[in-house]
Protein backbone atom coordinates (compact mmCIF):
# COMPACT_ATOMS: atom_id res chain seq x y z
CA MET A 1 108.05 79.82 82.03
CA PRO A 2 105.20 77.44 82.89
CA ILE A 3 102.12 79.42 83.86
CA SER A 4 99.68 78.17 86.50
CA SER A 5 96.43 76.99 84.99
CA SER A 6 94.63 79.52 87.17
CA VAL A 7 96.06 82.40 85.10
CA ASN A 8 95.91 82.05 81.33
CA SER A 9 99.32 82.67 79.80
CA SER A 10 97.71 84.58 76.96
CA ALA A 11 96.64 87.18 79.53
CA ILE A 12 100.26 88.02 80.38
CA ARG A 13 101.64 90.93 78.35
CA THR A 14 105.17 92.28 78.35
CA ARG A 15 106.53 95.65 77.19
CA THR A 16 110.07 97.02 77.44
CA TYR A 17 111.32 100.21 79.09
CA GLY A 18 114.84 101.39 79.82
CA THR A 19 118.05 102.18 77.96
CA PRO A 20 118.84 99.57 75.33
CA SER A 21 120.17 101.10 72.08
CA GLY A 22 117.68 103.53 70.57
CA ALA A 23 114.97 102.68 73.11
CA THR A 24 112.12 105.01 73.99
CA SER A 25 109.46 104.69 76.65
CA GLY A 26 105.74 105.22 76.53
CA GLY A 27 102.53 104.71 78.40
CA LYS A 28 99.05 103.37 77.76
CA ILE A 29 95.50 103.85 78.89
CA TRP A 30 93.20 101.06 80.03
CA SER A 31 89.48 101.67 80.19
CA HIS A 32 87.02 98.92 81.14
CA ALA A 33 83.34 99.78 80.98
CA ALA A 34 82.62 97.80 84.14
CA VAL A 35 85.30 99.28 86.38
CA ALA A 36 85.00 102.29 88.61
CA VAL A 37 88.53 103.62 88.22
CA VAL A 38 90.22 104.08 84.85
CA ILE A 39 93.99 103.62 85.06
CA VAL A 40 95.88 106.25 83.14
CA LEU A 41 99.53 105.25 82.89
CA GLN A 42 101.34 108.48 82.24
CA ALA A 43 103.83 108.39 79.40
CA ALA A 44 107.39 108.22 80.65
CA SER A 45 110.09 110.54 79.38
CA VAL A 46 111.79 109.64 76.10
CA MET A 47 115.01 107.71 76.74
CA PRO A 48 118.37 108.68 75.20
CA SER A 49 118.71 107.98 71.50
CA ALA A 50 121.14 105.36 70.20
CA GLY A 51 123.88 107.96 69.86
CA GLN A 52 123.40 109.10 73.44
CA VAL A 53 123.39 105.70 75.13
CA ARG A 54 126.65 105.11 76.89
CA GLN A 55 128.80 102.29 75.59
CA GLY A 56 128.48 99.01 77.50
CA ALA A 57 125.15 99.85 79.14
CA GLU A 58 124.04 97.06 81.45
CA THR A 59 120.94 95.10 80.50
CA SER A 60 119.80 95.50 84.11
CA ASP A 61 119.00 99.11 83.16
CA VAL A 62 116.10 97.79 81.09
CA ARG A 63 112.72 97.64 82.81
CA PHE A 64 109.83 95.60 81.46
CA GLU A 65 106.14 96.24 81.88
CA VAL A 66 104.45 92.90 82.56
CA SER A 67 100.66 92.75 82.91
CA VAL A 68 98.10 90.08 83.78
CA ASN A 69 94.31 90.29 83.70
CA LYS A 70 91.71 87.80 84.89
CA TYR A 71 88.08 87.77 86.01
CA ILE A 72 88.06 87.24 89.80
CA MET A 73 85.67 88.20 92.60
CA GLY A 74 82.99 89.15 90.10
CA THR A 75 85.11 91.76 88.32
CA SER A 76 87.98 92.25 85.89
CA VAL A 77 91.30 92.34 87.77
CA GLU A 78 94.42 93.72 86.13
CA ALA A 79 97.90 93.97 87.58
CA THR A 80 100.99 95.54 86.05
CA VAL A 81 104.56 95.46 87.35
CA MET A 82 107.66 97.32 86.22
CA TYR A 83 110.66 95.04 86.69
CA THR A 84 113.98 94.05 85.15
CA ASP A 85 113.41 90.27 85.30
CA VAL A 86 110.47 89.14 83.15
CA PRO A 87 110.25 85.50 84.35
CA ALA A 88 110.42 86.63 87.98
CA ALA A 89 107.71 89.23 87.32
CA GLN A 90 105.48 86.63 85.69
CA ARG A 91 105.88 84.21 88.58
CA ALA A 92 105.12 86.96 91.09
CA LEU A 93 101.97 88.00 89.22
CA VAL A 94 100.72 84.43 89.05
CA ASP A 95 101.26 84.08 92.81
CA ALA A 96 99.48 87.38 93.46
CA PHE A 97 96.44 86.28 91.44
CA MET A 98 96.39 82.91 93.16
CA GLU A 99 96.30 84.72 96.50
CA MET A 100 93.27 86.73 95.37
CA GLN A 101 91.57 83.53 94.21
CA ARG A 102 92.31 81.95 97.59
CA ILE A 103 90.64 84.86 99.39
CA GLU A 104 87.62 84.62 97.10
CA ALA A 105 87.32 80.91 97.93
CA VAL A 106 87.39 81.70 101.67
CA MET A 107 85.16 84.78 101.77
CA SER A 108 82.70 84.68 98.87
CA VAL A 109 79.05 84.20 99.86
CA SER A 110 78.37 82.65 96.45
CA LYS A 111 80.76 79.74 97.02
CA PRO A 112 79.00 77.14 99.22
CA GLU A 113 82.29 75.76 100.54
CA SER A 114 83.60 79.15 101.75
CA GLU A 115 83.92 79.95 105.44
CA VAL A 116 81.53 82.89 105.10
CA ALA A 117 78.89 80.72 103.39
CA LEU A 118 79.24 78.24 106.26
CA LEU A 119 78.64 81.03 108.76
CA ASN A 120 75.49 82.09 106.94
CA ARG A 121 74.16 78.54 107.04
CA GLU A 122 74.99 77.65 110.65
CA ALA A 123 76.10 80.59 112.84
CA ALA A 124 72.54 81.44 113.91
CA GLU A 125 72.18 77.90 115.30
CA HIS A 126 75.56 77.42 116.98
CA PRO A 127 79.04 78.99 117.13
CA VAL A 128 81.07 78.19 114.01
CA LYS A 129 84.84 77.87 114.07
CA VAL A 130 86.61 79.89 111.37
CA SER A 131 90.15 80.87 110.48
CA GLY A 132 92.00 83.73 112.13
CA GLU A 133 91.91 85.52 108.77
CA VAL A 134 88.10 85.51 108.70
CA LEU A 135 87.88 86.47 112.37
CA GLY A 136 90.16 89.41 111.66
CA ILE A 137 88.25 90.80 108.70
CA LEU A 138 84.93 90.35 110.52
CA ALA A 139 86.31 92.25 113.53
CA ARG A 140 87.60 95.08 111.33
CA SER A 141 84.25 95.19 109.50
CA ILE A 142 82.43 95.56 112.81
CA ASP A 143 84.85 98.34 113.77
CA TYR A 144 84.12 100.17 110.49
CA CYS A 145 80.42 99.69 111.20
CA HIS A 146 80.72 101.33 114.62
CA ARG A 147 82.92 104.15 113.28
CA SER A 148 80.31 104.94 110.63
CA ASP A 149 77.29 104.70 112.94
CA GLY A 150 76.13 101.67 110.97
CA LEU A 151 76.45 103.14 107.47
CA PHE A 152 78.96 100.41 106.58
CA ASP A 153 77.21 97.18 107.51
CA ILE A 154 78.18 93.65 106.46
CA THR A 155 74.75 92.31 107.48
CA VAL A 156 72.84 93.94 104.59
CA GLY A 157 73.50 90.89 102.38
CA PRO A 158 69.90 89.58 102.60
CA LEU A 159 68.64 93.00 101.51
CA SER A 160 70.99 92.93 98.53
CA GLU A 161 69.66 89.49 97.63
CA LEU A 162 66.10 90.76 97.90
CA TRP A 163 66.85 93.49 95.38
CA GLY A 164 68.67 91.05 93.09
CA PHE A 165 72.07 92.72 93.33
CA SER A 166 73.83 89.64 94.74
CA GLY A 167 73.04 87.10 92.05
CA ASP A 168 72.25 86.60 88.40
CA GLU A 169 68.54 87.30 88.73
CA PRO A 170 67.10 90.55 87.30
CA VAL A 171 67.10 93.52 89.66
CA THR A 172 63.59 94.43 90.82
CA VAL A 173 62.27 97.03 93.26
CA PRO A 174 60.93 95.05 96.25
CA ASP A 175 57.85 95.77 98.30
CA SER A 176 58.59 98.10 101.20
CA SER A 177 57.17 95.62 103.71
CA ALA A 178 59.67 92.97 102.56
CA VAL A 179 62.47 95.50 102.94
CA GLN A 180 61.38 96.38 106.47
CA GLU A 181 61.20 92.72 107.45
CA LEU A 182 64.81 92.12 106.43
CA GLN A 183 65.95 95.39 107.97
CA SER A 184 64.96 93.93 111.33
CA LEU A 185 67.73 91.37 110.86
CA THR A 186 70.52 93.83 110.04
CA GLY A 187 73.06 95.44 112.33
CA CYS A 188 76.68 94.55 113.02
CA ASP A 189 75.96 93.98 116.73
CA ARG A 190 74.15 90.80 115.68
CA VAL A 191 77.54 89.25 114.84
CA HIS A 192 79.43 87.89 117.85
CA ILE A 193 83.11 86.90 117.82
CA ASP A 194 84.65 84.61 120.44
CA TRP A 195 88.40 85.05 120.07
CA ALA A 196 89.20 82.41 122.69
CA ASP A 197 87.39 79.68 120.73
CA SER A 198 87.92 81.19 117.22
CA THR A 199 84.17 81.06 116.64
CA VAL A 200 81.46 83.32 115.26
CA SER A 201 77.77 83.26 116.06
CA PHE A 202 74.74 85.27 114.98
CA SER A 203 72.05 86.54 117.34
CA ASP A 204 69.04 85.57 115.22
CA VAL A 205 67.97 83.15 112.52
CA GLY A 206 68.07 84.98 109.20
CA VAL A 207 71.13 87.10 109.99
CA GLU A 208 73.81 86.81 107.31
CA VAL A 209 77.10 88.53 106.53
CA ASP A 210 78.43 89.62 103.16
CA LEU A 211 82.03 90.85 102.95
CA GLY A 212 81.61 92.21 99.42
CA GLY A 213 82.18 95.77 100.64
CA ILE A 214 85.60 95.02 102.10
CA ALA A 215 86.98 91.66 100.92
CA LYS A 216 87.92 92.93 97.46
CA GLY A 217 90.04 95.67 98.97
CA TYR A 218 91.61 93.16 101.34
CA ALA A 219 92.41 90.88 98.38
CA VAL A 220 94.12 93.76 96.56
CA ASP A 221 96.21 94.47 99.66
CA ARG A 222 97.21 90.81 99.87
CA ALA A 223 98.17 90.77 96.18
CA ALA A 224 100.33 93.85 96.80
CA ALA A 225 101.98 92.10 99.75
CA VAL A 226 102.81 89.09 97.57
CA LEU A 227 104.41 91.27 94.89
CA ARG A 228 106.49 93.14 97.46
CA SER A 229 107.59 89.87 99.05
CA ARG A 230 109.06 88.95 95.65
CA GLY A 231 111.15 92.13 95.60
CA ILE A 232 108.86 94.07 93.23
CA ASP A 233 108.24 97.64 94.38
CA ASP A 234 106.76 99.31 91.28
CA PHE A 235 103.33 97.93 90.38
CA ILE A 236 99.63 98.62 90.24
CA VAL A 237 96.73 96.25 91.03
CA ASN A 238 93.19 97.19 89.98
CA ALA A 239 90.20 95.03 90.90
CA GLY A 240 87.21 96.74 89.33
CA GLY A 241 87.82 100.07 91.03
CA ASP A 242 89.73 98.85 94.10
CA LEU A 243 93.24 99.91 93.20
CA TYR A 244 96.64 99.92 94.89
CA ALA A 245 99.58 101.76 93.33
CA SER A 246 103.09 101.01 94.60
CA GLY A 247 106.24 102.90 93.78
CA GLU A 248 106.38 104.66 90.44
CA LYS A 249 105.60 104.02 86.79
CA GLU A 250 109.10 105.26 85.93
CA PRO A 251 111.74 106.92 88.12
CA GLY A 252 110.24 110.28 89.05
CA VAL A 253 106.97 109.51 87.25
CA PRO A 254 104.03 108.55 89.50
CA TRP A 255 101.14 106.30 88.59
CA ARG A 256 98.49 108.60 87.12
CA ILE A 257 94.95 107.59 87.99
CA GLY A 258 91.82 108.69 86.17
CA ILE A 259 88.51 108.73 88.05
CA LYS A 260 85.66 107.55 85.86
CA HIS A 261 82.82 109.95 85.19
CA PRO A 262 79.69 108.44 86.81
CA ARG A 263 77.41 109.45 83.93
CA ASN A 264 79.74 109.34 80.93
CA ALA A 265 81.49 106.00 80.50
CA ASP A 266 83.88 107.41 77.92
CA SER A 267 85.33 110.19 80.06
CA ILE A 268 86.92 110.82 83.43
CA VAL A 269 85.94 113.42 85.97
CA ALA A 270 89.38 113.90 87.54
CA ARG A 271 92.97 112.73 87.57
CA LEU A 272 95.42 112.30 90.42
CA ASP A 273 98.86 110.87 91.19
CA ALA A 274 99.33 107.84 93.44
CA ARG A 275 102.42 106.41 95.12
CA ASN A 276 102.26 103.66 97.75
CA GLU A 277 98.56 104.12 98.43
CA ALA A 278 95.14 102.80 97.52
CA VAL A 279 92.56 104.59 95.37
CA VAL A 280 89.08 103.06 95.62
CA THR A 281 85.84 104.21 94.00
CA SER A 282 82.26 103.26 94.82
CA GLY A 283 79.68 104.33 92.24
CA ASP A 284 75.97 104.06 91.52
CA TYR A 285 76.71 103.03 87.90
CA GLU A 286 78.27 99.63 88.60
CA ARG A 287 75.07 97.64 89.23
CA PHE A 288 71.78 99.45 88.81
CA VAL A 289 68.33 99.52 87.25
CA ILE A 290 66.18 102.54 86.34
CA VAL A 291 62.48 102.22 87.17
CA ASP A 292 60.04 105.05 86.50
CA GLY A 293 62.96 107.41 85.97
CA ARG A 294 64.66 106.61 89.29
CA ARG A 295 68.02 104.88 89.58
CA TYR A 296 68.23 101.97 92.01
CA HIS A 297 71.77 100.66 92.62
CA HIS A 298 73.66 98.15 94.74
CA ILE A 299 74.98 100.51 97.44
CA LEU A 300 72.20 100.21 100.00
CA ASP A 301 71.57 102.53 102.92
CA PRO A 302 71.11 100.28 105.99
CA ARG A 303 68.85 102.93 107.52
CA THR A 304 66.24 102.63 104.74
CA GLY A 305 66.96 99.35 102.97
CA PHE A 306 66.91 101.26 99.67
CA SER A 307 69.71 102.61 97.49
CA ALA A 308 71.64 105.51 99.00
CA ASP A 309 70.61 108.57 97.01
CA GLY A 310 73.01 111.36 98.01
CA SER A 311 75.98 110.47 95.79
CA ARG A 312 76.88 109.32 92.31
CA SER A 313 80.39 108.19 93.18
CA VAL A 314 82.99 108.47 95.93
CA THR A 315 86.73 107.94 95.50
CA VAL A 316 88.90 107.53 98.60
CA ILE A 317 92.69 107.62 98.90
CA ALA A 318 94.06 105.62 101.84
CA LYS A 319 97.04 103.56 102.91
CA SER A 320 95.23 100.27 102.26
CA ALA A 321 92.61 99.21 99.74
CA GLU A 322 90.59 97.55 102.50
CA GLU A 323 90.29 100.79 104.46
CA ALA A 324 89.57 102.81 101.31
CA ASP A 325 86.89 100.27 100.34
CA ALA A 326 85.04 100.68 103.63
CA LEU A 327 85.47 104.47 103.76
CA ALA A 328 84.17 104.91 100.20
CA THR A 329 80.98 103.08 101.17
CA MET A 330 80.61 105.11 104.37
CA ILE A 331 80.94 108.47 102.60
CA PHE A 332 78.72 107.39 99.71
CA VAL A 333 75.91 106.32 102.03
CA ARG A 334 76.28 109.34 104.31
CA GLY A 335 75.64 111.63 101.36
CA ASN A 336 75.27 115.29 102.23
CA ALA A 337 75.21 114.80 105.98
CA GLN A 338 78.08 116.41 107.89
CA GLU A 339 79.81 117.64 104.76
CA PRO A 340 82.44 118.82 104.14
CA ASP A 341 84.17 117.34 107.22
CA GLU A 342 85.05 113.64 106.94
CA SER A 343 87.63 113.47 109.75
CA GLY A 344 90.66 113.95 107.55
CA VAL A 345 89.76 111.32 104.95
CA SER A 346 91.15 112.00 101.46
CA PHE A 347 88.23 111.72 99.06
CA LEU A 348 86.51 113.05 95.95
CA ARG A 349 82.72 112.80 95.92
CA VAL A 350 80.36 113.39 93.02
CA ARG A 351 77.10 114.47 94.63
CA ALA A 352 73.69 113.40 93.36
CA ASP A 353 73.38 116.67 91.45
CA GLY A 354 76.76 116.16 89.73
CA SER A 355 78.68 118.75 91.75
CA LEU A 356 81.96 117.81 93.41
CA GLN A 357 83.10 117.67 97.02
CA THR A 358 86.72 117.08 98.03
CA GLY A 359 88.24 116.36 101.39
CA SER A 360 91.85 116.45 102.61
CA ILE A 361 93.47 115.36 99.33
CA ALA A 362 97.23 115.88 99.67
CA GLU A 363 99.10 118.26 97.38
CA ALA A 364 101.33 115.33 96.37
CA ASN A 365 98.33 113.70 94.68
CA HIS A 366 98.09 116.63 92.21
CA LEU A 367 94.32 116.34 91.89
CA GLU A 368 93.14 117.71 88.54
CA ILE A 369 89.39 118.26 88.05
CA LEU A 370 88.45 117.72 84.41
CA ASP A 371 84.66 117.68 84.20
CA GLU A 372 81.70 118.36 86.47
């Protein structure tokens, strides 16, 4: 099958599962140092031996594991599908990755031609017309901002740039006066949407938006929608800790997800099952610097302009990766305030002292705590 140039064919891997003569099934573990969630694909049950396979078994009983990985949106993205038709699975994966690349091209602040970059250049001077897709994610981001009392805020981008978390420059601790100056330009109420004209404007010069805290989750959701539109129901998409698991690894066997330990890269702090839901982790170990014994990381508290210091990591289970993405940031930044109630959100939080807090995780997820 010809592979789109946007996804290297060497990155597509295929494994076989099912009931051909003498076949057995297995699982594998992926662990990337840079990702927040470690996927643990639970080993499937051993299939019937050659003597037990019924005569004339249909080849459609055989399921293949087809995987693709590529660096997109500033992180390693891996997707795996379980399907009976390998060429169809490969085509679907290529289309799913192209959809994520399209979203990156529209929403990345680092791409000058993106709609979001255009807003940051011009929306403080005049209303800027954007697509309905961008209007929608901006509106949802503002809603998350209001729901969290400003703890999730897409206008902290300039603060992130000041720290050095948004580019390739070294991370440095800025002067508090510089932080306070940029704080005066943050707040989601500074972003105005005109639905009638499909335009966005900013209230002040210097206001900017950065969708990094939500666009990756949205891209994962869109990739999942593409795969489902191709008739594939059993798959997992992981974009550097923003994960969506659909269906099952094998009939009766859920996707088994390992939550990375925030202080030990070689271990996981917990495991859980996932079916038709997102599992997203935000952690202080993804982008950070230690100065004078203190850890400064990329998850900024809009109230202070400095790194939120009440959590090491937060994992949220939700129906969509976009929602889980925003909620993980909210809970991380909120820290110890109002615990343990988080309005029914399913989450696992590693506090700053290493202790654990859980909220509303369903029995079906079979949460297993491994290390504190």
